[in-house]
């Protein structure tokens, strides 16, 4: 078995290399507004995946931007 560097291993099909960021935002859906954690991840192929998860309003304290 041959040893690989981390960079070589990331190029192997099925290998994972994610670059993720998280932010807290007020998001309006219809007439409802809530505090959400928005996580954006880009995989090794550059594909972006974004998820929104409702969180306690304390995480959005001081924010005034509402995304729709």
C-alpha atoms as a PDB file:
ATOM      1  CA  UNK A   1       0.000   0.000   0.000  1.00  0.00           C
ATOM      2  CA  UNK A   2       1.311   3.408  -0.998  1.00  0.00           C
ATOM      3  CA  UNK A   3       1.209   6.333   1.414  1.00  0.00           C
ATOM      4  CA  UNK A   4      -0.553   9.510   0.263  1.00  0.00           C
ATOM      5  CA  UNK A   5      -0.311  13.103   1.267  1.00  0.00           C
ATOM      6  CA  UNK A   6      -3.454  14.863   2.474  1.00  0.00           C
ATOM      7  CA  UNK A   7      -3.661  16.799  -0.814  1.00  0.00           C
ATOM      8  CA  UNK A   8      -3.549  13.550  -2.815  1.00  0.00           C
ATOM      9  CA  UNK A   9      -6.185  11.931  -0.606  1.00  0.00           C
ATOM     10  CA  UNK A  10      -8.591  14.842  -1.191  1.00  0.00           C
ATOM     11  CA  UNK A  11      -8.495  14.145  -4.929  1.00  0.00           C
ATOM     12  CA  UNK A  12      -9.654  10.545  -4.505  1.00  0.00           C
ATOM     13  CA  UNK A  13     -13.274   9.992  -5.520  1.00  0.00           C
ATOM     14  CA  UNK A  14     -15.332   9.780  -2.373  1.00  0.00           C
ATOM     15  CA  UNK A  15     -12.851  11.800  -0.371  1.00  0.00           C
ATOM     16  CA  UNK A  16     -14.227  14.791   1.456  1.00  0.00           C
ATOM     17  CA  UNK A  17     -12.992  18.333   1.725  1.00  0.00           C
ATOM     18  CA  UNK A  18     -15.624  20.793   2.902  1.00  0.00           C
ATOM     19  CA  UNK A  19     -15.216  24.498   3.504  1.00  0.00           C
ATOM     20  CA  UNK A  20     -18.129  25.717   5.638  1.00  0.00           C
ATOM     21  CA  UNK A  21     -19.227  29.032   7.115  1.00  0.00           C
ATOM     22  CA  UNK A  22     -22.133  29.760   9.443  1.00  0.00           C
ATOM     23  CA  UNK A  23     -24.036  32.987  10.051  1.00  0.00           C
ATOM     24  CA  UNK A  24     -27.148  34.002  11.963  1.00  0.00           C
ATOM     25  CA  UNK A  25     -29.903  35.880  10.149  1.00  0.00           C
ATOM     26  CA  UNK A  26     -33.506  36.889  10.450  1.00  0.00           C
ATOM     27  CA  UNK A  27     -35.297  35.196   7.580  1.00  0.00           C
ATOM     28  CA  UNK A  28     -38.843  35.984   6.518  1.00  0.00           C
ATOM     29  CA  UNK A  29     -40.920  33.179   5.041  1.00  0.00           C
ATOM     30  CA  UNK A  30     -44.371  34.414   4.063  1.00  0.00           C
ATOM     31  CA  UNK A  31     -45.565  36.468   7.023  1.00  0.00           C
ATOM     32  CA  UNK A  32     -43.347  34.680   9.583  1.00  0.00           C
ATOM     33  CA  UNK A  33     -39.927  35.995  10.582  1.00  0.00           C
ATOM     34  CA  UNK A  34     -37.490  33.931  12.604  1.00  0.00           C
ATOM     35  CA  UNK A  35     -33.863  33.633  13.606  1.00  0.00           C
ATOM     36  CA  UNK A  36     -31.966  31.043  11.577  1.00  0.00           C
ATOM     37  CA  UNK A  37     -28.458  29.670  11.442  1.00  0.00           C
ATOM     38  CA  UNK A  38     -27.448  29.629   7.783  1.00  0.00           C
ATOM     39  CA  UNK A  39     -24.640  27.179   7.013  1.00  0.00           C
ATOM     40  CA  UNK A  40     -22.984  27.299   3.583  1.00  0.00           C
ATOM     41  CA  UNK A  41     -20.590  24.517   2.592  1.00  0.00           C
ATOM     42  CA  UNK A  42     -18.577  24.106  -0.593  1.00  0.00           C
ATOM     43  CA  UNK A  43     -17.305  20.611  -1.378  1.00  0.00           C
ATOM     44  CA  UNK A  44     -14.068  19.694  -3.148  1.00  0.00           C
ATOM     45  CA  UNK A  45     -15.790  20.091  -6.538  1.00  0.00           C
ATOM     46  CA  UNK A  46     -17.015  23.608  -5.755  1.00  0.00           C
ATOM     47  CA  UNK A  47     -20.662  22.602  -5.263  1.00  0.00           C
ATOM     48  CA  UNK A  48     -22.362  24.921  -2.760  1.00  0.00           C
ATOM     49  CA  UNK A  49     -24.889  23.563  -0.254  1.00  0.00           C
ATOM     50  CA  UNK A  50     -26.814  25.922   2.016  1.00  0.00           C
ATOM     51  CA  UNK A  51     -28.991  24.904   4.953  1.00  0.00           C
ATOM     52  CA  UNK A  52     -31.131  27.007   7.294  1.00  0.00           C
ATOM     53  CA  UNK A  53     -31.882  25.807  10.813  1.00  0.00           C
ATOM     54  CA  UNK A  54     -34.166  27.705  13.225  1.00  0.00           C
ATOM     55  CA  UNK A  55     -32.369  28.783  16.402  1.00  0.00           C
ATOM     56  CA  UNK A  56     -33.148  30.786  19.528  1.00  0.00           C
ATOM     57  CA  UNK A  57     -33.744  34.503  18.881  1.00  0.00           C
ATOM     58  CA  UNK A  58     -30.824  35.345  21.199  1.00  0.00           C
ATOM     59  CA  UNK A  59     -28.435  34.365  18.387  1.00  0.00           C
ATOM     60  CA  UNK A  60     -29.842  37.169  16.204  1.00  0.00           C
ATOM     61  CA  UNK A  61     -29.814  39.819  18.932  1.00  0.00           C
ATOM     62  CA  UNK A  62     -28.667  43.131  17.495  1.00  0.00           C
ATOM     63  CA  UNK A  63     -29.259  42.117  13.871  1.00  0.00           C
ATOM     64  CA  UNK A  64     -31.644  44.201  11.829  1.00  0.00           C
ATOM     65  CA  UNK A  65     -31.242  42.643   8.392  1.00  0.00           C
ATOM     66  CA  UNK A  66     -34.177  40.494   7.282  1.00  0.00           C
ATOM     67  CA  UNK A  67     -33.628  38.172   4.340  1.00  0.00           C
ATOM     68  CA  UNK A  68     -36.572  36.945   2.318  1.00  0.00           C
END
